Amino acid sequence: MNAMEKLNAMMKQKDSRIVAGLDPEISQLPPAYQTALKNGVLEKNVMMDFCKKYIDAVAGYVAALKINSAFFETEEFFPIYRKIAIYAKVQGLFVIGDLKRADIGSTSKAYAKAWLGKEQPFDAITINPYFGTDGVMPFIEVAAENGKGVFVLAKTSNKSSDEIQNLMMFEPKDYIYERVSDLIVNWGKTVSKGEKYSPVGAVVGATHPKEAEALRKRMPNTMFLVPGYGAQGASSKDVTVNFDEKGLGAIVNSSRGLMYAYKKDAYKDIARTDGWEKATEVAAFDAKEDINQALKEEE
């Protein structure tokens, strides 16, 4: 069973299609952590405390954790990035390193060994296809060798993604994101061993449901990592087009909606009486049920 098939199995086991995003902005953390700031800086042990408590809160209701490296690349936090991933693995979660790495072939290989080696706690990482095949294949080959996976950026959730991804090619008349999706399928075939889903997945934004629906038909054997649900504006109904006929094949990211649930009207009272962790736990359960209910209504 390759990494993406393991993720599918985990989603079935937990009856959850949610990946909890971990993108901690210091200014948005619960009040208790604001009081721990020293000259505007949070100590790494305090950040580790927040991350562990967040993981504990969501672990029962999500299949995976996606850790955005951007929020840990400062000098004081980078040492704990892998420690957080290890902690999430111990809690039984599929761990995605949101790195968006890319470069020429030799550098990509160095990145791949650093993040996808057997000893690393990451089950998959995100990568950028801009360098083309020789920049992507080192990641895919190392991932396949070590039973891991990659998610390649295809159609991202941000508003300005159309500036490049929706440019029209002349021959054939495809959008760039469609050409990238075909490459993802072909890259997956090079390391696939007959499983329904190859080790090569795609990042497909929930904020572009029409494009996502077309890409699901174009990429029937590709696992989707779906950002954009919740805080970025996509609803559970927008998300359903990403799944296959069995309600699998896609995992939906929720970051701010879970990390900062304590700020939302629906969970403020819970946070006040039982703490921000309980607010996050209830929000994770609600997100899980929201996606599941939307899929049932599509049947």
Protein backbone atom coordinates (compact mmCIF):
# COMPACT_ATOMS: atom_id res chain seq x y z
CA MET A 1 0.00 0.00 0.00
CA ASN A 2 1.58 3.29 -1.08
CA ALA A 3 1.30 6.55 0.87
CA MET A 4 -1.87 7.77 -0.85
CA GLU A 5 -3.61 4.42 -0.39
CA LYS A 6 -2.63 4.55 3.29
CA LEU A 7 -4.21 7.99 3.50
CA ASN A 8 -7.40 6.67 1.89
CA ALA A 9 -7.46 3.81 4.40
CA MET A 10 -6.99 6.23 7.29
CA MET A 11 -9.85 8.41 6.03
CA LYS A 12 -12.11 5.37 5.90
CA GLN A 13 -11.06 4.22 9.35
CA LYS A 14 -11.75 7.61 10.93
CA ASP A 15 -14.68 8.45 8.64
CA SER A 16 -12.98 11.81 8.18
CA ARG A 17 -11.85 13.66 5.07
CA ILE A 18 -10.20 16.48 7.01
CA VAL A 19 -6.53 17.36 7.26
CA ALA A 20 -5.84 19.83 10.06
CA GLY A 21 -3.55 22.59 8.93
CA LEU A 22 -0.92 23.89 11.32
CA ASP A 23 0.04 27.44 10.28
CA PRO A 24 0.49 29.22 13.63
CA GLU A 25 0.62 33.01 13.39
CA ILE A 26 1.89 34.27 16.73
CA SER A 27 -0.45 37.28 16.73
CA GLN A 28 -3.47 34.98 16.36
CA LEU A 29 -2.66 32.44 19.06
CA PRO A 30 -4.91 32.19 22.14
CA PRO A 31 -4.49 34.90 24.81
CA ALA A 32 -2.45 32.67 27.14
CA TYR A 33 0.27 32.51 24.49
CA GLN A 34 0.19 36.27 23.91
CA THR A 35 1.18 36.82 27.55
CA ALA A 36 4.18 34.52 26.99
CA LEU A 37 5.64 36.85 24.33
CA LYS A 38 8.98 38.40 25.18
CA ASN A 39 9.79 41.45 23.05
CA GLY A 40 7.39 40.16 20.44
CA VAL A 41 9.04 36.73 20.28
CA LEU A 42 7.53 33.44 21.42
CA GLU A 43 9.93 30.93 22.92
CA LYS A 44 10.16 27.65 21.03
CA ASN A 45 9.05 25.57 24.02
CA VAL A 46 5.88 27.69 24.21
CA MET A 47 5.21 27.24 20.49
CA MET A 48 5.79 23.50 20.91
CA ASP A 49 3.24 23.49 23.71
CA PHE A 50 0.62 25.11 21.47
CA CYS A 51 1.31 22.70 18.61
CA LYS A 52 1.07 19.62 20.84
CA LYS A 53 -2.19 20.77 22.39
CA TYR A 54 -3.58 21.55 18.94
CA ILE A 55 -2.67 18.09 17.67
CA ASP A 56 -4.21 16.47 20.75
CA ALA A 57 -7.41 18.44 20.17
CA VAL A 58 -7.89 17.45 16.53
CA ALA A 59 -6.40 13.93 16.46
CA GLY A 60 -9.68 12.14 17.11
CA TYR A 61 -11.51 13.77 14.20
CA VAL A 62 -8.99 14.24 11.37
CA ALA A 63 -7.02 11.82 9.26
CA ALA A 64 -3.95 13.96 8.72
CA LEU A 65 -1.93 16.98 9.81
CA LYS A 66 -0.44 19.44 7.31
CA ILE A 67 2.38 21.50 8.82
CA ASN A 68 3.25 24.66 6.91
CA SER A 69 7.01 25.13 7.10
CA ALA A 70 6.76 28.89 6.51
CA PHE A 71 5.69 29.42 10.11
CA PHE A 72 8.68 27.46 11.44
CA GLU A 73 11.53 28.73 9.27
CA THR A 74 12.69 31.41 11.66
CA GLU A 75 15.82 30.52 13.59
CA GLU A 76 14.02 29.90 16.87
CA PHE A 77 11.27 27.63 15.50
CA PHE A 78 12.91 25.58 12.75
CA PRO A 79 14.42 23.06 15.24
CA ILE A 80 10.94 22.02 16.39
CA TYR A 81 9.43 21.49 12.91
CA ARG A 82 10.36 17.81 12.71
CA LYS A 83 9.59 17.31 16.41
CA ILE A 84 6.01 18.41 15.75
CA ALA A 85 5.76 15.96 12.84
CA ILE A 86 7.07 13.14 15.04
CA TYR A 87 4.52 13.99 17.72
CA ALA A 88 1.70 13.90 15.14
CA LYS A 89 2.88 10.50 13.89
CA VAL A 90 2.75 9.15 17.44
CA GLN A 91 -0.86 10.35 17.61
CA GLY A 92 -1.63 8.20 14.57
CA LEU A 93 -1.92 10.95 11.97
CA PHE A 94 -0.77 11.00 8.34
CA VAL A 95 1.72 13.88 8.27
CA ILE A 96 2.14 16.25 5.32
CA GLY A 97 5.06 18.66 5.20
CA ASP A 98 3.75 21.74 3.41
CA LEU A 99 7.08 22.80 1.92
CA LYS A 100 6.32 23.65 -1.74
CA ARG A 101 9.91 22.83 -2.66
CA ALA A 102 11.25 22.93 -6.23
CA ASP A 103 14.57 23.41 -8.01
CA ILE A 104 16.81 21.92 -10.69
CA GLY A 105 17.32 18.17 -10.56
CA SER A 106 20.38 17.87 -8.29
CA THR A 107 18.97 20.33 -5.76
CA SER A 108 15.57 18.67 -5.85
CA LYS A 109 17.26 15.38 -5.04
CA ALA A 110 18.95 16.97 -2.03
CA TYR A 111 15.62 18.39 -0.86
CA ALA A 112 13.96 15.02 -1.39
CA LYS A 113 16.54 13.15 0.68
CA ALA A 114 16.24 15.74 3.43
CA TRP A 115 12.45 15.53 3.72
CA LEU A 116 11.43 12.15 2.32
CA GLY A 117 14.13 9.87 3.68
CA LYS A 118 13.02 6.73 5.49
CA GLU A 119 13.91 8.21 8.85
CA GLN A 120 11.83 11.33 8.30
CA PRO A 121 8.41 11.64 10.00
CA PHE A 122 6.67 13.04 6.90
CA ASP A 123 4.37 10.77 4.89
CA ALA A 124 4.20 13.27 2.03
CA ILE A 125 5.31 16.79 1.12
CA THR A 126 4.05 19.46 -1.26
CA ILE A 127 6.17 20.40 -4.28
CA ASN A 128 6.05 22.99 -7.07
CA PRO A 129 6.05 21.79 -10.71
CA TYR A 130 7.46 24.99 -12.23
CA PHE A 131 10.85 23.41 -13.02
CA GLY A 132 9.24 20.59 -14.99
CA THR A 133 10.03 16.90 -15.02
CA ASP A 134 13.72 17.04 -14.09
CA GLY A 135 12.87 19.14 -11.06
CA VAL A 136 9.94 16.96 -9.98
CA MET A 137 11.12 13.39 -10.58
CA PRO A 138 13.81 13.35 -7.86
CA PHE A 139 11.09 14.00 -5.28
CA ILE A 140 8.82 11.34 -6.76
CA GLU A 141 11.57 8.72 -7.01
CA VAL A 142 12.78 9.21 -3.43
CA ALA A 143 9.19 9.23 -2.16
CA ALA A 144 8.36 5.99 -3.98
CA GLU A 145 11.54 4.31 -2.72
CA ASN A 146 10.60 5.10 0.88
CA GLY A 147 6.86 4.46 0.75
CA LYS A 148 6.01 8.15 0.79
CA GLY A 149 4.16 10.57 -1.46
CA VAL A 150 4.16 14.05 -2.96
CA PHE A 151 1.40 16.55 -3.65
CA VAL A 152 2.14 18.66 -6.72
CA LEU A 153 0.62 22.13 -6.98
CA ALA A 154 -1.97 22.03 -9.78
CA LYS A 155 -4.76 24.60 -9.27
CA THR A 156 -4.13 26.53 -6.07
CA SER A 157 -6.77 28.21 -3.90
CA ASN A 158 -5.43 31.78 -3.85
CA LYS A 159 -7.29 34.50 -5.78
CA SER A 160 -4.47 35.43 -8.15
CA SER A 161 -3.70 31.85 -9.20
CA ASP A 162 -5.52 32.58 -12.48
CA GLU A 163 -2.74 34.98 -13.52
CA ILE A 164 -0.52 32.05 -14.43
CA GLN A 165 -2.45 28.82 -13.95
CA ASN A 166 -5.35 29.86 -16.18
CA LEU A 167 -3.27 31.05 -19.11
CA MET A 168 -4.34 29.25 -22.29
CA MET A 169 -1.89 27.09 -24.20
CA PHE A 170 -2.08 27.12 -28.00
CA GLU A 171 -1.51 23.47 -28.91
CA PRO A 172 -3.47 21.74 -27.52
CA LYS A 173 -5.83 24.40 -26.24
CA ASP A 174 -5.47 23.68 -22.54
CA TYR A 175 -5.03 25.91 -19.54
CA ILE A 176 -1.64 25.64 -17.87
CA TYR A 177 -3.18 23.96 -14.81
CA GLU A 178 -4.70 21.33 -17.12
CA ARG A 179 -1.32 20.66 -18.74
CA VAL A 180 0.20 20.35 -15.26
CA SER A 181 -2.54 17.91 -14.27
CA ASP A 182 -1.68 15.69 -17.24
CA LEU A 183 1.96 15.74 -16.19
CA ILE A 184 0.97 14.76 -12.65
CA VAL A 185 -0.95 11.76 -14.01
CA ASN A 186 2.03 10.70 -16.14
CA TRP A 187 4.51 11.22 -13.31
CA GLY A 188 2.31 9.04 -11.12
CA LYS A 189 2.30 6.27 -13.69
CA THR A 190 6.10 6.05 -13.58
CA VAL A 191 6.03 4.86 -9.95
CA SER A 192 2.58 3.31 -9.69
CA LYS A 193 2.37 -0.41 -8.93
CA GLY A 194 -1.23 -1.01 -9.87
CA GLU A 195 -2.94 0.72 -6.95
CA LYS A 196 -5.98 2.89 -7.66
CA TYR A 197 -4.14 5.98 -6.40
CA SER A 198 -0.53 6.63 -7.33
CA PRO A 199 1.98 8.12 -4.85
CA VAL A 200 1.76 11.42 -6.76
CA GLY A 201 -1.11 13.63 -5.62
CA ALA A 202 -2.28 17.09 -6.64
CA VAL A 203 -3.10 20.28 -4.77
CA VAL A 204 -6.49 21.47 -6.04
CA GLY A 205 -8.13 24.50 -4.42
CA ALA A 206 -11.68 24.25 -3.10
CA THR A 207 -12.21 27.87 -4.13
CA HIS A 208 -12.31 26.80 -7.79
CA PRO A 209 -15.03 24.10 -7.80
CA LYS A 210 -15.64 24.13 -11.58
CA GLU A 211 -11.97 23.56 -12.30
CA ALA A 212 -11.80 20.97 -9.51
CA GLU A 213 -14.72 19.03 -10.97
CA ALA A 214 -13.04 18.94 -14.38
CA LEU A 215 -9.72 17.92 -12.85
CA ARG A 216 -11.31 15.03 -10.95
CA LYS A 217 -12.52 13.62 -14.28
CA ARG A 218 -9.14 14.27 -15.85
CA MET A 219 -7.22 12.73 -12.92
CA PRO A 220 -9.30 9.77 -11.71
CA ASN A 221 -6.38 8.05 -9.97
CA THR A 222 -4.84 11.08 -8.28
CA MET A 223 -5.26 11.95 -4.60
CA PHE A 224 -6.28 15.60 -4.10
CA LEU A 225 -5.11 17.82 -1.28
CA VAL A 226 -7.82 20.47 -1.11
CA PRO A 227 -7.09 23.85 0.55
CA GLY A 228 -9.56 26.74 0.67
CA TYR A 229 -12.38 25.27 2.76
CA GLY A 230 -13.73 27.52 5.49
CA ALA A 231 -11.67 30.65 6.09
CA GLN A 232 -10.86 31.12 2.39
CA GLY A 233 -14.54 30.95 1.50
CA ALA A 234 -15.22 27.51 0.02
CA SER A 235 -18.18 25.59 1.44
CA SER A 236 -18.59 21.86 1.99
CA LYS A 237 -20.77 21.76 -1.15
CA ASP A 238 -17.93 23.32 -3.15
CA VAL A 239 -15.60 20.60 -1.87
CA THR A 240 -17.65 17.54 -2.86
CA VAL A 241 -16.57 17.65 -6.53
CA ASN A 242 -13.05 16.65 -5.47
CA PHE A 243 -14.02 13.19 -4.23
CA ASP A 244 -14.36 9.95 -6.16
CA GLU A 245 -17.49 7.81 -6.38
CA LYS A 246 -16.71 6.26 -2.97
CA GLY A 247 -16.27 9.59 -1.21
CA LEU A 248 -12.49 9.13 -1.08
CA GLY A 249 -9.52 10.33 -3.11
CA ALA A 250 -9.40 13.80 -1.55
CA ILE A 251 -8.49 15.31 1.80
CA VAL A 252 -9.77 18.76 2.73
CA ASN A 253 -7.60 21.20 4.64
CA SER A 254 -8.86 23.36 7.49
CA SER A 255 -6.31 25.56 9.23
CA ARG A 256 -7.58 28.84 10.64
CA GLY A 257 -11.05 27.39 11.20
CA LEU A 258 -9.53 24.92 13.68
CA MET A 259 -6.51 26.73 15.10
CA TYR A 260 -8.46 29.87 15.90
CA ALA A 261 -11.87 28.35 16.59
CA TYR A 262 -11.80 30.08 19.98
CA LYS A 263 -12.41 33.39 18.12
CA LYS A 264 -15.48 32.24 16.19
CA ASP A 265 -18.96 33.03 17.45
CA ALA A 266 -19.95 29.36 17.31
CA TYR A 267 -17.18 28.36 19.73
CA LYS A 268 -16.51 31.44 21.91
CA ASP A 269 -18.59 30.15 24.80
CA ILE A 270 -16.90 26.75 24.68
CA ALA A 271 -13.48 28.42 24.72
CA ARG A 272 -14.50 30.63 27.62
CA THR A 273 -15.67 27.74 29.80
CA ASP A 274 -13.49 24.83 28.65
CA GLY A 275 -10.50 26.42 26.95
CA TRP A 276 -9.36 27.03 23.39
CA GLU A 277 -8.41 23.36 23.00
CA LYS A 278 -12.02 22.24 23.50
CA ALA A 279 -13.20 24.85 21.00
CA THR A 280 -10.73 23.43 18.47
CA GLU A 281 -11.82 19.86 19.21
CA VAL A 282 -15.49 20.69 18.62
CA ALA A 283 -14.62 22.63 15.45
CA ALA A 284 -12.70 19.60 14.13
CA PHE A 285 -15.70 17.36 14.79
CA ASP A 286 -18.01 19.87 13.07
CA ALA A 287 -15.74 20.13 10.02
CA LYS A 288 -15.63 16.35 9.72
CA GLU A 289 -19.43 16.12 9.92
CA ASP A 290 -19.94 19.06 7.53
CA ILE A 291 -17.97 17.36 4.74
CA ASN A 292 -19.53 13.96 5.41
CA GLN A 293 -23.05 15.41 5.33
CA ALA A 294 -22.37 17.26 2.09
CA LEU A 295 -21.19 14.02 0.49
CA LYS A 296 -24.33 12.19 1.66
CA GLU A 297 -26.50 14.87 0.11
CA GLU A 298 -24.68 14.37 -3.21
CA GLU A 299 -25.47 10.64 -3.33
